[in-house]
Amino acid sequence: MTLLIVGGTGFLGSELIRQAVSAGRRTVATWSRSPGGYGLATWRKLDLRDRGQIGTLREQVRPRMVVNASSGGDDWQVTAEGPIHLALAAAKYGCRLIHVSSDAVFSGIGRSLYDEACVPDPITPYGAAKAAAEAGVLAVHPEAVVARTSLIIGYGRSEHERLVHDLASGARAGALLTDDRRCPVHVCDLASALLELASGDGTGVRHLGGPEAVSRHALGLLIARRDGLDPSRLPSGRAGEIGFRGALDVRLDSRITQNSLTTKLRSPSRFLSQG
């Protein structure tokens, strides 16, 4: 049974490949800008903006399961429209589809805790693109899963971990917010949960955030202590002071999804103390 991982060269995609191959799954992964380097997967080029290319890939690979871990930022064609093209192809050929989304679909205005039933109300271009993809994917492929997650951390390779190191060394200017809240998740936990969802028969929206809400600054302090950095060198700030205009307090309530999974999503205070 072939698994297709779209966005295989990304941080999450690489971990999905590692776990899938380790479990003995025949795995095909896609790249858009440069080929991936994980040798045990079969690699294919894919531009999510090209519906013809998506159809051709499906015919060549014939996957039974597809996990879309791609990220096009606020590029509407890639982030909003691409997943819908992918879902159309998956629905046509009866492929199971897990589409990875983001807590950026929520504003944090008027509430902070969001469960799977909450309606998206994005306030950024990226959030709007992600919300549009969610609606489109489920409209054309009702049997799909939309899996929302939060900040992804792990092994020093994530964007936030690199930022912490750059700030501590003075290589980059900026500050870590003290007045935001997210529910970070370890990349290994997230990949395991997504592959578990891919092997199941659930449908609809699922939340895969960690069980602990922390600010970016508090998360940075945990990373600094794990990596032997001086926490006092991490600059802090509030959103209004640095002109941050995104959502501040967005906490994914993942209890319903977590109770249905064998995979346990750890808190950052736990996984960052474990390495």
C-alpha atoms as a PDB file:
ATOM      1  CA  MET A   1       0.000   0.000   0.000  1.00  0.00           C
ATOM      2  CA  THR A   2       1.676   3.191  -1.194  1.00  0.00           C
ATOM      3  CA  LEU A   3       1.781   6.370   0.878  1.00  0.00           C
ATOM      4  CA  LEU A   4       2.259   9.690  -0.917  1.00  0.00           C
ATOM      5  CA  ILE A   5       3.719  12.535   1.138  1.00  0.00           C
ATOM      6  CA  VAL A   6       3.258  15.922  -0.513  1.00  0.00           C
ATOM      7  CA  GLY A   7       5.862  18.414   0.724  1.00  0.00           C
ATOM      8  CA  GLY A   8       8.429  15.776   1.594  1.00  0.00           C
ATOM      9  CA  THR A   9      11.392  18.161   1.727  1.00  0.00           C
ATOM     10  CA  GLY A  10       9.927  20.242   4.563  1.00  0.00           C
ATOM     11  CA  PHE A  11      10.572  19.871   8.276  1.00  0.00           C
ATOM     12  CA  LEU A  12       7.389  17.870   8.900  1.00  0.00           C
ATOM     13  CA  GLY A  13       7.543  16.065   5.573  1.00  0.00           C
ATOM     14  CA  SER A  14      11.040  14.762   6.298  1.00  0.00           C
ATOM     15  CA  GLU A  15       9.915  13.303   9.606  1.00  0.00           C
ATOM     16  CA  LEU A  16       6.849  11.736   7.990  1.00  0.00           C
ATOM     17  CA  ILE A  17       9.124  10.027   5.472  1.00  0.00           C
ATOM     18  CA  ARG A  18      11.493   8.800   8.180  1.00  0.00           C
ATOM     19  CA  GLN A  19       8.713   7.243  10.216  1.00  0.00           C
ATOM     20  CA  ALA A  20       6.847   5.799   7.250  1.00  0.00           C
ATOM     21  CA  VAL A  21       9.945   4.161   5.768  1.00  0.00           C
ATOM     22  CA  SER A  22      11.010   2.873   9.199  1.00  0.00           C
ATOM     23  CA  ALA A  23       7.581   1.233   9.518  1.00  0.00           C
ATOM     24  CA  GLY A  24       8.082  -0.524   6.193  1.00  0.00           C
ATOM     25  CA  ARG A  25       5.627   1.527   4.137  1.00  0.00           C
ATOM     26  CA  ARG A  26       6.258   2.036   0.449  1.00  0.00           C
ATOM     27  CA  THR A  27       6.675   5.807   0.403  1.00  0.00           C
ATOM     28  CA  VAL A  28       6.672   8.314  -2.411  1.00  0.00           C
ATOM     29  CA  ALA A  29       7.412  11.961  -1.583  1.00  0.00           C
ATOM     30  CA  THR A  30       7.227  15.158  -3.600  1.00  0.00           C
ATOM     31  CA  TRP A  31       9.439  18.195  -3.952  1.00  0.00           C
ATOM     32  CA  SER A  32       8.785  21.540  -5.605  1.00  0.00           C
ATOM     33  CA  ARG A  33      12.080  23.480  -5.584  1.00  0.00           C
ATOM     34  CA  SER A  34      14.857  20.933  -5.054  1.00  0.00           C
ATOM     35  CA  PRO A  35      14.880  17.131  -4.768  1.00  0.00           C
ATOM     36  CA  GLY A  36      14.748  15.528  -1.353  1.00  0.00           C
ATOM     37  CA  GLY A  37      17.656  13.621   0.062  1.00  0.00           C
ATOM     38  CA  TYR A  38      16.016  10.852   2.072  1.00  0.00           C
ATOM     39  CA  GLY A  39      17.161   7.881   0.007  1.00  0.00           C
ATOM     40  CA  LEU A  40      14.599   5.242   0.915  1.00  0.00           C
ATOM     41  CA  ALA A  41      11.666   7.250  -0.447  1.00  0.00           C
ATOM     42  CA  THR A  42      10.882   7.542  -4.134  1.00  0.00           C
ATOM     43  CA  TRP A  43      10.877  11.211  -5.138  1.00  0.00           C
ATOM     44  CA  ARG A  44       8.648  13.008  -7.637  1.00  0.00           C
ATOM     45  CA  LYS A  45       8.495  16.669  -8.607  1.00  0.00           C
ATOM     46  CA  LEU A  46       5.123  18.311  -8.014  1.00  0.00           C
ATOM     47  CA  ASP A  47       3.801  21.831  -8.491  1.00  0.00           C
ATOM     48  CA  LEU A  48       0.490  22.070  -6.626  1.00  0.00           C
ATOM     49  CA  ARG A  49      -0.575  24.869  -8.946  1.00  0.00           C
ATOM     50  CA  ASP A  50      -0.621  22.432 -11.870  1.00  0.00           C
ATOM     51  CA  ARG A  51      -3.753  20.232 -11.842  1.00  0.00           C
ATOM     52  CA  GLY A  52      -2.446  18.215 -14.775  1.00  0.00           C
ATOM     53  CA  GLN A  53       0.745  17.408 -12.900  1.00  0.00           C
ATOM     54  CA  ILE A  54      -1.268  16.259  -9.881  1.00  0.00           C
ATOM     55  CA  GLY A  55      -3.320  13.912 -12.054  1.00  0.00           C
ATOM     56  CA  THR A  56      -0.250  12.509 -13.775  1.00  0.00           C
ATOM     57  CA  LEU A  57       1.465  11.880 -10.451  1.00  0.00           C
ATOM     58  CA  ARG A  58      -1.590  10.062  -9.155  1.00  0.00           C
ATOM     59  CA  GLU A  59      -1.640   7.816 -12.227  1.00  0.00           C
ATOM     60  CA  GLN A  60       2.063   7.036 -11.860  1.00  0.00           C
ATOM     61  CA  VAL A  61       2.079   6.418  -8.113  1.00  0.00           C
ATOM     62  CA  ARG A  62      -1.460   5.133  -7.422  1.00  0.00           C
ATOM     63  CA  PRO A  63      -1.290   5.813  -3.668  1.00  0.00           C
ATOM     64  CA  ARG A  64      -3.896   4.557  -1.231  1.00  0.00           C
ATOM     65  CA  MET A  65      -3.036   7.264   1.302  1.00  0.00           C
ATOM     66  CA  VAL A  66      -1.935  10.879   0.812  1.00  0.00           C
ATOM     67  CA  VAL A  67      -0.603  13.223   3.496  1.00  0.00           C
ATOM     68  CA  ASN A  68      -0.355  16.834   2.375  1.00  0.00           C
ATOM     69  CA  ALA A  69       2.354  18.478   4.489  1.00  0.00           C
ATOM     70  CA  SER A  70       3.154  21.202   1.954  1.00  0.00           C
ATOM     71  CA  SER A  71       3.448  24.862   2.829  1.00  0.00           C
ATOM     72  CA  GLY A  72       3.319  27.747   0.408  1.00  0.00           C
ATOM     73  CA  GLY A  73       3.123  30.535   2.975  1.00  0.00           C
ATOM     74  CA  ASP A  74       0.623  33.161   1.883  1.00  0.00           C
ATOM     75  CA  ASP A  75       0.931  32.180  -1.790  1.00  0.00           C
ATOM     76  CA  TRP A  76      -2.783  31.708  -2.525  1.00  0.00           C
ATOM     77  CA  GLN A  77      -2.310  29.383  -5.498  1.00  0.00           C
ATOM     78  CA  VAL A  78      -0.121  26.969  -3.544  1.00  0.00           C
ATOM     79  CA  THR A  79      -1.632  27.170  -0.052  1.00  0.00           C
ATOM     80  CA  ALA A  80      -5.328  27.662  -0.821  1.00  0.00           C
ATOM     81  CA  GLU A  81      -5.950  26.262  -4.303  1.00  0.00           C
ATOM     82  CA  GLY A  82      -3.289  23.531  -4.491  1.00  0.00           C
ATOM     83  CA  PRO A  83      -4.744  21.359  -1.699  1.00  0.00           C
ATOM     84  CA  ILE A  84      -8.174  21.526  -3.337  1.00  0.00           C
ATOM     85  CA  HIS A  85      -6.746  20.238  -6.628  1.00  0.00           C
ATOM     86  CA  LEU A  86      -5.058  17.468  -4.640  1.00  0.00           C
ATOM     87  CA  ALA A  87      -8.308  16.633  -2.828  1.00  0.00           C
ATOM     88  CA  LEU A  88     -10.217  16.462  -6.116  1.00  0.00           C
ATOM     89  CA  ALA A  89      -7.745  13.889  -7.422  1.00  0.00           C
ATOM     90  CA  ALA A  90      -7.811  11.917  -4.163  1.00  0.00           C
ATOM     91  CA  ALA A  91     -11.610  11.841  -4.129  1.00  0.00           C
ATOM     92  CA  LYS A  92     -11.812  10.798  -7.785  1.00  0.00           C
ATOM     93  CA  TYR A  93      -9.608   7.768  -7.231  1.00  0.00           C
ATOM     94  CA  GLY A  94     -10.710   6.881  -3.697  1.00  0.00           C
ATOM     95  CA  CYS A  95      -7.471   7.879  -1.933  1.00  0.00           C
ATOM     96  CA  ARG A  96      -7.490   8.616   1.771  1.00  0.00           C
ATOM     97  CA  LEU A  97      -6.307  12.207   2.312  1.00  0.00           C
ATOM     98  CA  ILE A  98      -4.861  13.867   5.405  1.00  0.00           C
ATOM     99  CA  HIS A  99      -4.473  17.611   4.880  1.00  0.00           C
ATOM    100  CA  VAL A 100      -2.267  19.437   7.387  1.00  0.00           C
ATOM    101  CA  SER A 101      -3.600  22.851   8.389  1.00  0.00           C
ATOM    102  CA  SER A 102      -2.720  25.440  11.016  1.00  0.00           C
ATOM    103  CA  ASP A 103      -3.945  27.313  14.079  1.00  0.00           C
ATOM    104  CA  ALA A 104      -3.454  30.425  11.888  1.00  0.00           C
ATOM    105  CA  VAL A 105      -7.051  29.933  10.735  1.00  0.00           C
ATOM    106  CA  PHE A 106      -8.136  31.470  14.074  1.00  0.00           C
ATOM    107  CA  SER A 107      -7.901  35.098  15.202  1.00  0.00           C
ATOM    108  CA  GLY A 108      -7.740  34.768  18.983  1.00  0.00           C
ATOM    109  CA  ILE A 109     -10.254  37.636  19.162  1.00  0.00           C
ATOM    110  CA  GLY A 110     -12.996  37.123  21.708  1.00  0.00           C
ATOM    111  CA  ARG A 111     -11.756  33.690  22.718  1.00  0.00           C
ATOM    112  CA  SER A 112      -8.496  31.797  23.031  1.00  0.00           C
ATOM    113  CA  LEU A 113      -9.422  28.101  23.249  1.00  0.00           C
ATOM    114  CA  TYR A 114     -10.531  26.482  19.982  1.00  0.00           C
ATOM    115  CA  ASP A 115     -11.859  22.966  19.537  1.00  0.00           C
ATOM    116  CA  GLU A 116     -12.625  21.170  16.284  1.00  0.00           C
ATOM    117  CA  ALA A 117     -16.119  22.652  16.005  1.00  0.00           C
ATOM    118  CA  CYS A 118     -14.933  26.289  16.010  1.00  0.00           C
ATOM    119  CA  VAL A 119     -15.391  28.231  12.782  1.00  0.00           C
ATOM    120  CA  PRO A 120     -12.206  29.761  11.269  1.00  0.00           C
ATOM    121  CA  ASP A 121     -11.866  33.550  11.435  1.00  0.00           C
ATOM    122  CA  PRO A 122      -8.360  34.277  10.077  1.00  0.00           C
ATOM    123  CA  ILE A 123      -6.789  37.731  10.249  1.00  0.00           C
ATOM    124  CA  THR A 124      -3.640  37.131   8.156  1.00  0.00           C
ATOM    125  CA  PRO A 125      -3.181  36.271   4.460  1.00  0.00           C
ATOM    126  CA  TYR A 126      -1.617  32.940   5.421  1.00  0.00           C
ATOM    127  CA  GLY A 127      -4.491  32.130   7.766  1.00  0.00           C
ATOM    128  CA  ALA A 128      -7.007  33.050   5.087  1.00  0.00           C
ATOM    129  CA  ALA A 129      -5.291  30.770   2.558  1.00  0.00           C
ATOM    130  CA  LYS A 130      -5.248  27.907   5.038  1.00  0.00           C
ATOM    131  CA  ALA A 131      -8.911  28.414   5.924  1.00  0.00           C
ATOM    132  CA  ALA A 132      -9.887  28.444   2.233  1.00  0.00           C
ATOM    133  CA  ALA A 133      -7.966  25.209   1.688  1.00  0.00           C
ATOM    134  CA  GLU A 134      -9.737  23.555   4.609  1.00  0.00           C
ATOM    135  CA  ALA A 135     -13.189  24.465   3.301  1.00  0.00           C
ATOM    136  CA  GLY A 136     -12.347  23.438  -0.244  1.00  0.00           C
ATOM    137  CA  VAL A 137     -10.747  20.129   0.715  1.00  0.00           C
ATOM    138  CA  LEU A 138     -13.733  19.026   2.790  1.00  0.00           C
ATOM    139  CA  ALA A 139     -16.196  20.259   0.170  1.00  0.00           C
ATOM    140  CA  VAL A 140     -14.728  18.160  -2.638  1.00  0.00           C
ATOM    141  CA  HIS A 141     -13.537  15.226  -0.485  1.00  0.00           C
ATOM    142  CA  PRO A 142     -15.869  14.828   2.525  1.00  0.00           C
ATOM    143  CA  GLU A 143     -13.991  11.698   3.635  1.00  0.00           C
ATOM    144  CA  ALA A 144     -10.740  13.651   4.066  1.00  0.00           C
ATOM    145  CA  VAL A 145      -9.169  14.683   7.364  1.00  0.00           C
ATOM    146  CA  VAL A 146      -8.109  18.277   8.024  1.00  0.00           C
ATOM    147  CA  ALA A 147      -5.505  18.181  10.801  1.00  0.00           C
ATOM    148  CA  ARG A 148      -4.770  21.552  12.394  1.00  0.00           C
ATOM    149  CA  THR A 149      -1.552  21.933  14.318  1.00  0.00           C
ATOM    150  CA  SER A 150       0.488  24.658  16.042  1.00  0.00           C
ATOM    151  CA  LEU A 151       4.190  25.536  16.324  1.00  0.00           C
ATOM    152  CA  ILE A 152       6.241  22.492  15.331  1.00  0.00           C
ATOM    153  CA  ILE A 153       9.448  21.919  17.328  1.00  0.00           C
ATOM    154  CA  GLY A 154      12.139  19.261  17.250  1.00  0.00           C
ATOM    155  CA  TYR A 155      15.878  18.518  17.275  1.00  0.00           C
ATOM    156  CA  GLY A 156      16.920  22.119  16.642  1.00  0.00           C
ATOM    157  CA  ARG A 157      15.750  22.089  13.028  1.00  0.00           C
ATOM    158  CA  SER A 158      12.515  24.035  13.344  1.00  0.00           C
ATOM    159  CA  GLU A 159      12.152  27.682  12.403  1.00  0.00           C
ATOM    160  CA  HIS A 160      11.525  28.718  16.011  1.00  0.00           C
ATOM    161  CA  GLU A 161      14.565  26.834  17.317  1.00  0.00           C
ATOM    162  CA  ARG A 162      16.809  28.443  14.704  1.00  0.00           C
ATOM    163  CA  LEU A 163      15.384  31.843  15.628  1.00  0.00           C
ATOM    164  CA  VAL A 164      16.191  31.280  19.303  1.00  0.00           C
ATOM    165  CA  HIS A 165      19.807  30.433  18.460  1.00  0.00           C
ATOM    166  CA  ASP A 166      20.140  33.447  16.165  1.00  0.00           C
ATOM    167  CA  LEU A 167      18.707  35.817  18.767  1.00  0.00           C
ATOM    168  CA  ALA A 168      20.902  34.431  21.525  1.00  0.00           C
ATOM    169  CA  SER A 169      24.031  34.815  19.380  1.00  0.00           C
ATOM    170  CA  GLY A 170      23.086  38.241  18.078  1.00  0.00           C
ATOM    171  CA  ALA A 171      22.990  36.959  14.490  1.00  0.00           C
ATOM    172  CA  ARG A 172      19.462  38.239  14.076  1.00  0.00           C
ATOM    173  CA  ALA A 173      17.586  41.220  15.486  1.00  0.00           C
ATOM    174  CA  GLY A 174      14.125  40.892  16.962  1.00  0.00           C
ATOM    175  CA  ALA A 175      12.290  39.727  20.056  1.00  0.00           C
ATOM    176  CA  LEU A 176      10.211  36.818  21.288  1.00  0.00           C
ATOM    177  CA  LEU A 177       6.660  37.698  22.268  1.00  0.00           C
ATOM    178  CA  THR A 178       5.583  37.364  25.877  1.00  0.00           C
ATOM    179  CA  ASP A 179       1.891  38.087  25.288  1.00  0.00           C
ATOM    180  CA  ASP A 180       1.046  35.380  22.754  1.00  0.00           C
ATOM    181  CA  ARG A 181       0.066  31.758  23.398  1.00  0.00           C
ATOM    182  CA  ARG A 182       0.334  28.663  21.232  1.00  0.00           C
ATOM    183  CA  CYS A 183       0.292  24.900  21.837  1.00  0.00           C
ATOM    184  CA  PRO A 184       3.627  23.658  20.423  1.00  0.00           C
ATOM    185  CA  VAL A 185       3.983  20.047  19.317  1.00  0.00           C
ATOM    186  CA  HIS A 186       7.058  17.899  18.723  1.00  0.00           C
ATOM    187  CA  VAL A 187       7.578  16.970  15.072  1.00  0.00           C
ATOM    188  CA  CYS A 188       7.936  13.271  15.970  1.00  0.00           C
ATOM    189  CA  ASP A 189       4.635  13.250  17.857  1.00  0.00           C
ATOM    190  CA  LEU A 190       2.881  15.135  15.072  1.00  0.00           C
ATOM    191  CA  ALA A 191       4.176  12.872  12.307  1.00  0.00           C
ATOM    192  CA  SER A 192       3.193   9.785  14.278  1.00  0.00           C
ATOM    193  CA  ALA A 193      -0.307  11.162  14.868  1.00  0.00           C
ATOM    194  CA  LEU A 194      -0.748  12.045  11.189  1.00  0.00           C
ATOM    195  CA  LEU A 195       0.315   8.577  10.068  1.00  0.00           C
ATOM    196  CA  GLU A 196      -2.068   7.081  12.626  1.00  0.00           C
ATOM    197  CA  LEU A 197      -4.882   9.201  11.196  1.00  0.00           C
ATOM    198  CA  ALA A 198      -3.902   8.116   7.688  1.00  0.00           C
ATOM    199  CA  SER A 199      -4.256   4.475   8.694  1.00  0.00           C
ATOM    200  CA  GLY A 200      -7.643   5.019  10.341  1.00  0.00           C
ATOM    201  CA  ASP A 201     -11.087   5.770   9.023  1.00  0.00           C
ATOM    202  CA  GLY A 202     -11.934   9.061  10.737  1.00  0.00           C
ATOM    203  CA  THR A 203     -12.993  12.093   8.744  1.00  0.00           C
ATOM    204  CA  GLY A 204     -13.383  15.844   9.211  1.00  0.00           C
ATOM    205  CA  VAL A 205     -11.410  18.271  11.357  1.00  0.00           C
ATOM    206  CA  ARG A 206      -8.866  17.089  13.918  1.00  0.00           C
ATOM    207  CA  HIS A 207      -6.703  19.163  16.267  1.00  0.00           C
ATOM    208  CA  LEU A 208      -3.090  18.145  16.883  1.00  0.00           C
ATOM    209  CA  GLY A 209      -1.670  20.775  19.220  1.00  0.00           C
ATOM    210  CA  GLY A 210       0.290  20.036  22.359  1.00  0.00           C
ATOM    211  CA  PRO A 211      -1.445  19.964  25.768  1.00  0.00           C
ATOM    212  CA  GLU A 212       0.368  23.045  27.115  1.00  0.00           C
ATOM    213  CA  ALA A 213      -0.038  26.673  25.989  1.00  0.00           C
ATOM    214  CA  VAL A 214       3.114  28.804  26.167  1.00  0.00           C
ATOM    215  CA  SER A 215       4.304  32.133  24.795  1.00  0.00           C
ATOM    216  CA  ARG A 216       7.033  32.246  22.180  1.00  0.00           C
ATOM    217  CA  HIS A 217       9.362  33.728  24.776  1.00  0.00           C
ATOM    218  CA  ALA A 218       8.627  30.985  27.317  1.00  0.00           C
ATOM    219  CA  LEU A 219       9.190  28.428  24.578  1.00  0.00           C
ATOM    220  CA  GLY A 220      12.457  30.133  23.689  1.00  0.00           C
ATOM    221  CA  LEU A 221      13.640  29.879  27.295  1.00  0.00           C
ATOM    222  CA  LEU A 222      12.962  26.130  27.288  1.00  0.00           C
ATOM    223  CA  ILE A 223      14.910  25.744  24.040  1.00  0.00           C
ATOM    224  CA  ALA A 224      17.797  27.846  25.364  1.00  0.00           C
ATOM    225  CA  ARG A 225      18.096  25.740  28.519  1.00  0.00           C
ATOM    226  CA  ARG A 226      18.008  22.510  26.538  1.00  0.00           C
ATOM    227  CA  ASP A 227      20.703  23.716  24.148  1.00  0.00           C
ATOM    228  CA  GLY A 228      22.989  25.293  26.736  1.00  0.00           C
ATOM    229  CA  LEU A 229      22.329  28.886  25.658  1.00  0.00           C
ATOM    230  CA  ASP A 230      22.166  31.837  28.027  1.00  0.00           C
ATOM    231  CA  PRO A 231      18.430  32.525  28.503  1.00  0.00           C
ATOM    232  CA  SER A 232      19.161  36.104  29.549  1.00  0.00           C
ATOM    233  CA  ARG A 233      20.353  36.822  25.998  1.00  0.00           C
ATOM    234  CA  LEU A 234      16.899  36.218  24.528  1.00  0.00           C
ATOM    235  CA  PRO A 235      15.190  39.569  23.886  1.00  0.00           C
ATOM    236  CA  SER A 236      11.514  39.739  24.781  1.00  0.00           C
ATOM    237  CA  GLY A 237       8.727  42.084  23.764  1.00  0.00           C
ATOM    238  CA  ARG A 238       5.014  42.587  23.486  1.00  0.00           C
ATOM    239  CA  ALA A 239       3.093  42.579  20.232  1.00  0.00           C
ATOM    240  CA  GLY A 240       2.288  46.278  20.330  1.00  0.00           C
ATOM    241  CA  GLU A 241       5.916  47.178  20.920  1.00  0.00           C
ATOM    242  CA  ILE A 242       7.258  45.400  17.842  1.00  0.00           C
ATOM    243  CA  GLY A 243       4.327  45.944  15.483  1.00  0.00           C
ATOM    244  CA  PHE A 244       3.185  42.325  15.399  1.00  0.00           C
ATOM    245  CA  ARG A 245      -0.220  42.100  13.675  1.00  0.00           C
ATOM    246  CA  GLY A 246      -1.028  38.390  13.738  1.00  0.00           C
ATOM    247  CA  ALA A 247      -3.198  36.414  16.113  1.00  0.00           C
ATOM    248  CA  LEU A 248      -1.908  36.395  19.687  1.00  0.00           C
ATOM    249  CA  ASP A 249      -3.696  33.906  21.931  1.00  0.00           C
ATOM    250  CA  VAL A 250      -4.732  30.838  19.939  1.00  0.00           C
ATOM    251  CA  ARG A 251      -4.851  27.573  21.840  1.00  0.00           C
ATOM    252  CA  LEU A 252      -5.919  24.403  20.070  1.00  0.00           C
ATOM    253  CA  ASP A 253      -8.097  22.218  22.270  1.00  0.00           C
ATOM    254  CA  SER A 254      -6.955  18.800  21.055  1.00  0.00           C
ATOM    255  CA  ARG A 255      -8.564  16.628  23.714  1.00  0.00           C
ATOM    256  CA  ILE A 256     -11.191  15.081  21.459  1.00  0.00           C
ATOM    257  CA  THR A 257      -8.644  14.059  18.841  1.00  0.00           C
ATOM    258  CA  GLN A 258      -6.062  13.036  21.451  1.00  0.00           C
ATOM    259  CA  ASN A 259      -8.541  10.672  23.109  1.00  0.00           C
ATOM    260  CA  SER A 260      -9.009   8.866  19.792  1.00  0.00           C
ATOM    261  CA  LEU A 261      -5.289   8.321  19.188  1.00  0.00           C
ATOM    262  CA  THR A 262      -2.642   5.950  20.511  1.00  0.00           C
ATOM    263  CA  THR A 263       0.031   8.596  19.822  1.00  0.00           C
ATOM    264  CA  LYS A 264       0.451  10.934  22.778  1.00  0.00           C
ATOM    265  CA  LEU A 265       1.234  14.578  22.069  1.00  0.00           C
ATOM    266  CA  ARG A 266       3.713  15.797  24.665  1.00  0.00           C
ATOM    267  CA  SER A 267       3.963  19.276  26.156  1.00  0.00           C
ATOM    268  CA  PRO A 268       7.034  21.430  25.365  1.00  0.00           C
ATOM    269  CA  SER A 269       8.104  21.414  29.013  1.00  0.00           C
ATOM    270  CA  ARG A 270       8.300  17.641  28.673  1.00  0.00           C
ATOM    271  CA  PHE A 271       9.800  17.095  25.234  1.00  0.00           C
ATOM    272  CA  LEU A 272      12.317  19.933  25.559  1.00  0.00           C
ATOM    273  CA  SER A 273      13.556  18.519  28.850  1.00  0.00           C
ATOM    274  CA  GLN A 274      14.010  15.145  27.137  1.00  0.00           C
ATOM    275  CA  GLY A 275      16.119  16.459  24.249  1.00  0.00           C
END
